[in-house]
Protein backbone atom coordinates (compact mmCIF):
# COMPACT_ATOMS: atom_id res chain seq x y z
CA UNK A 1 -52.31 9.95 13.83
CA UNK A 2 -52.05 13.04 11.51
CA UNK A 3 -48.90 14.39 13.09
CA UNK A 4 -47.38 10.91 12.85
CA UNK A 5 -48.01 10.72 9.14
CA UNK A 6 -46.19 14.05 8.75
CA UNK A 7 -43.12 12.90 10.42
CA UNK A 8 -43.01 9.54 8.57
CA UNK A 9 -41.25 11.01 5.55
CA UNK A 10 -38.54 12.59 7.78
CA UNK A 11 -38.11 9.23 9.66
CA UNK A 12 -37.73 7.42 6.35
CA UNK A 13 -35.29 10.07 5.01
CA UNK A 14 -33.02 9.79 8.05
CA UNK A 15 -33.22 5.92 8.04
CA UNK A 16 -32.13 5.87 4.36
CA UNK A 17 -29.41 8.38 4.72
CA UNK A 18 -25.98 6.83 5.46
CA UNK A 19 -24.82 8.13 8.84
CA UNK A 20 -22.09 10.83 8.76
CA UNK A 21 -20.21 8.90 11.44
CA UNK A 22 -19.46 6.30 8.53
CA UNK A 23 -17.79 9.00 6.52
CA UNK A 24 -15.85 10.27 9.55
CA UNK A 25 -14.71 6.76 10.29
CA UNK A 26 -13.40 6.35 6.72
CA UNK A 27 -11.57 9.61 6.82
CA UNK A 28 -10.10 8.90 10.13
CA UNK A 29 -8.96 5.36 8.90
CA UNK A 30 -7.30 6.84 5.70
CA UNK A 31 -5.53 9.39 7.93
CA UNK A 32 -4.34 6.63 10.34
CA UNK A 33 -2.94 4.55 7.29
CA UNK A 34 -1.12 7.59 5.95
CA UNK A 35 0.36 8.19 9.41
CA UNK A 36 1.40 4.58 9.63
CA UNK A 37 3.02 4.82 6.20
CA UNK A 38 5.00 7.99 7.24
CA UNK A 39 6.10 6.42 10.47
CA UNK A 40 7.24 3.37 8.69
CA UNK A 41 9.13 5.33 6.06
CA UNK A 42 10.94 7.29 8.90
CA UNK A 43 11.80 4.14 10.76
CA UNK A 44 13.36 2.66 7.66
CA UNK A 45 15.43 5.76 6.92
CA UNK A 46 16.59 5.86 10.47
CA UNK A 47 17.17 1.98 10.77
CA UNK A 48 14.87 2.05 13.71
CA UNK A 49 14.12 -1.72 14.01
CA UNK A 50 12.14 -1.18 17.29
CA UNK A 51 9.66 1.19 15.60
CA UNK A 52 9.47 -1.10 12.56
CA UNK A 53 8.67 -4.08 14.93
CA UNK A 54 5.50 -2.26 15.92
CA UNK A 55 4.53 -1.16 12.33
CA UNK A 56 4.79 -4.42 10.43
CA UNK A 57 2.33 -7.31 10.38
CA UNK A 58 3.73 -10.75 11.45
CA UNK A 59 2.61 -12.03 8.02
CA UNK A 60 4.37 -9.39 6.03
CA UNK A 61 5.23 -10.22 2.44
CA UNK A 62 7.76 -7.44 1.30
CA UNK A 63 8.41 -7.53 -2.52
CA UNK A 64 11.28 -5.28 -3.63
CA UNK A 65 11.58 -3.62 -7.10
CA UNK A 66 13.80 -6.52 -8.41
CA UNK A 67 11.09 -9.11 -7.39
CA UNK A 68 12.88 -10.38 -4.24
CA UNK A 69 10.39 -11.49 -1.66
CA UNK A 70 11.16 -11.01 2.09
CA UNK A 71 9.31 -12.18 5.21
CA UNK A 72 8.97 -9.76 8.14
CA UNK A 73 11.97 -11.05 9.90
CA UNK A 74 14.10 -10.97 6.86
CA UNK A 75 13.18 -7.40 6.08
CA UNK A 76 13.77 -6.29 9.71
CA UNK A 77 17.20 -8.16 9.63
CA UNK A 78 18.16 -6.39 6.37
CA UNK A 79 17.44 -2.99 8.07
CA UNK A 80 19.32 -3.93 11.23
CA UNK A 81 22.32 -5.20 9.31
CA UNK A 82 22.24 -2.21 7.04
CA UNK A 83 22.37 -4.53 3.97
CA UNK A 84 20.09 -2.02 2.28
CA UNK A 85 20.07 1.57 3.73
CA UNK A 86 17.09 3.77 2.84
CA UNK A 87 18.55 7.27 2.68
CA UNK A 88 15.34 8.99 1.51
CA UNK A 89 11.82 8.01 0.68
CA UNK A 90 9.54 10.71 -0.74
CA UNK A 91 5.98 9.53 -1.53
CA UNK A 92 3.76 11.23 -3.79
CA UNK A 93 0.20 10.64 -5.33
CA UNK A 94 -0.76 8.32 -2.54
CA UNK A 95 -4.35 7.07 -2.68
CA UNK A 96 -5.77 5.14 0.36
CA UNK A 97 -8.94 3.05 0.21
CA UNK A 98 -10.29 1.38 3.36
CA UNK A 99 -12.34 -1.79 3.59
CA UNK A 100 -13.50 -3.28 6.88
CA UNK A 101 -10.23 -3.68 8.69
CA UNK A 102 -8.08 -3.65 5.45
CA UNK A 103 -6.54 -0.80 3.59
CA UNK A 104 -5.04 -0.56 0.22
CA UNK A 105 -2.71 2.20 -0.62
CA UNK A 106 -1.05 2.98 -4.02
CA UNK A 107 1.34 5.68 -5.05
CA UNK A 108 4.68 6.77 -6.22
CA UNK A 109 7.96 7.54 -4.33
CA UNK A 110 11.35 8.93 -5.13
CA UNK A 111 13.72 6.59 -3.29
CA UNK A 112 17.48 6.83 -2.56
CA UNK A 113 19.08 3.64 -1.27
CA UNK A 114 22.65 2.53 -0.48
CA UNK A 115 23.89 -1.14 -0.53
CA UNK A 116 27.15 -2.83 -1.37
CA UNK A 117 27.01 -1.88 -5.05
CA UNK A 118 26.76 1.86 -4.04
CA UNK A 119 24.01 4.62 -3.91
CA UNK A 120 21.18 4.70 -6.23
CA UNK A 121 18.28 6.94 -6.77
CA UNK A 122 15.07 6.01 -8.63
CA UNK A 123 11.33 6.41 -8.75
CA UNK A 124 8.91 3.62 -7.92
CA UNK A 125 5.21 2.94 -8.16
CA UNK A 126 4.01 0.91 -5.07
CA UNK A 127 1.03 -1.06 -3.78
CA UNK A 128 0.81 -1.67 -0.14
CA UNK A 129 -1.78 -3.51 2.05
CA UNK A 130 -2.51 -2.73 5.73
CA UNK A 131 -4.42 -4.68 8.20
CA UNK A 132 -5.99 -3.43 11.30
CA UNK A 133 -4.91 -5.36 14.45
CA UNK A 134 -5.32 -4.24 18.05
CA UNK A 135 -6.38 -0.78 17.03
CA UNK A 136 -3.24 -0.25 14.63
CA UNK A 137 -2.69 -0.43 11.04
CA UNK A 138 0.07 -2.77 10.20
CA UNK A 139 1.74 -3.28 6.83
CA UNK A 140 1.02 -6.67 5.69
CA UNK A 141 2.02 -6.58 1.97
CA UNK A 142 4.32 -4.28 -0.12
CA UNK A 143 5.20 -4.47 -3.82
CA UNK A 144 7.05 -1.86 -5.84
CA UNK A 145 8.02 -1.43 -9.46
CA UNK A 146 10.91 0.73 -10.52
CA UNK A 147 10.01 3.30 -13.13
CA UNK A 148 12.40 3.92 -15.97
CA UNK A 149 14.41 7.04 -15.72
CA UNK A 150 12.82 8.71 -18.65
CA UNK A 151 9.37 7.45 -17.93
CA UNK A 152 6.94 9.59 -15.96
CA UNK A 153 5.05 6.43 -15.35
CA UNK A 154 2.12 7.46 -17.51
CA UNK A 155 2.20 6.34 -21.13
CA UNK A 156 0.09 6.84 -24.17
CA UNK A 157 -2.48 4.14 -25.19
CA UNK A 158 -1.34 0.75 -24.23
CA UNK A 159 0.63 1.90 -21.19
CA UNK A 160 0.07 1.97 -17.45
CA UNK A 161 -2.40 4.91 -17.42
CA UNK A 162 -4.58 3.34 -20.17
CA UNK A 163 -4.44 -0.11 -18.48
CA UNK A 164 -5.64 1.42 -15.08
CA UNK A 165 -8.36 3.37 -16.81
CA UNK A 166 -9.76 0.30 -18.65
CA UNK A 167 -9.38 -2.18 -16.00
CA UNK A 168 -10.22 -0.01 -13.04
CA UNK A 169 -8.49 -0.31 -9.65
CA UNK A 170 -9.49 -3.86 -8.76
CA UNK A 171 -8.76 -5.28 -12.33
CA UNK A 172 -5.49 -3.63 -12.25
CA UNK A 173 -4.61 -5.12 -8.83
CA UNK A 174 -5.80 -8.50 -9.88
CA UNK A 175 -3.45 -8.40 -12.89
CA UNK A 176 -0.54 -7.35 -10.73
CA UNK A 177 -1.23 -10.11 -8.27
CA UNK A 178 -1.36 -12.65 -11.22
CA UNK A 179 1.93 -11.30 -12.61
CA UNK A 180 3.60 -11.58 -9.06
CA UNK A 181 2.22 -15.28 -8.70
CA UNK A 182 3.81 -16.09 -12.17
CA UNK A 183 7.06 -14.40 -11.33
CA UNK A 184 7.41 -16.18 -8.04
CA UNK A 185 6.06 -19.48 -9.30
CA UNK A 186 8.94 -19.77 -11.81
CA UNK A 187 11.46 -18.81 -9.12
CA UNK A 188 10.04 -21.35 -6.68
CA UNK A 189 9.31 -23.89 -9.34
CA UNK A 190 5.57 -23.95 -8.57
CA UNK A 191 2.98 -24.92 -11.20
CA UNK A 192 1.86 -21.79 -13.19
CA UNK A 193 -1.79 -21.49 -13.43
C-alpha cells in the first residue's frame, strides 16, 4: 500500500500531461499541409492538371485577387486552357494551423502571371483551407488579396497589422468571410445580412 501511494503522484502527473504524440501529429500535419501547398503551386506553374486533380478538393472555392469565384472544375479548366498562366509563385511568411482534419494556412506570396492582357507581377496575402480526405490534405478554399505596390502589407494603427492584432486570428478570418459574403452577395444579387 505504501509503495502504491508513492507512485500515485507519478501516475497522476503522466495522466495529466498531454502526450508527446499529439505534438508530433500536429507538427507532421503542418508539414504535410506545407508539402501539399508546395506541390499545388508547382503543378499550377507547370500547368500539370493531372497533379492538380489529386491536390484539390471536389468542393473547392477559389477566389482570385479580383474577387472572381471559381469551382474546382473551372479552376482546372483555366489552367488547362492557359487562360491564366502562373509563371512563378514564391510564398513567404506562411503560417499553418491544424484542427481535427482541417487546416488553415495564411501567408504572402510574390506572384507572376500571364494572361491575355500580358504579364504582371504582384504580391498577395492569402488564406487557404485544407481538408483531410483519404489520408491526403486537399485544398478546399483559397482567397487572395493583392497588396499595393508601395505597401509592405503592414500599416500603422488602423491598418492590417493593427486589425489582426486587435481581432486575433479568428476575428480577422470572420471579418474576411463577412466581407467575401457581402462582395459575392452583391454580385449574385443575394440578400445582404
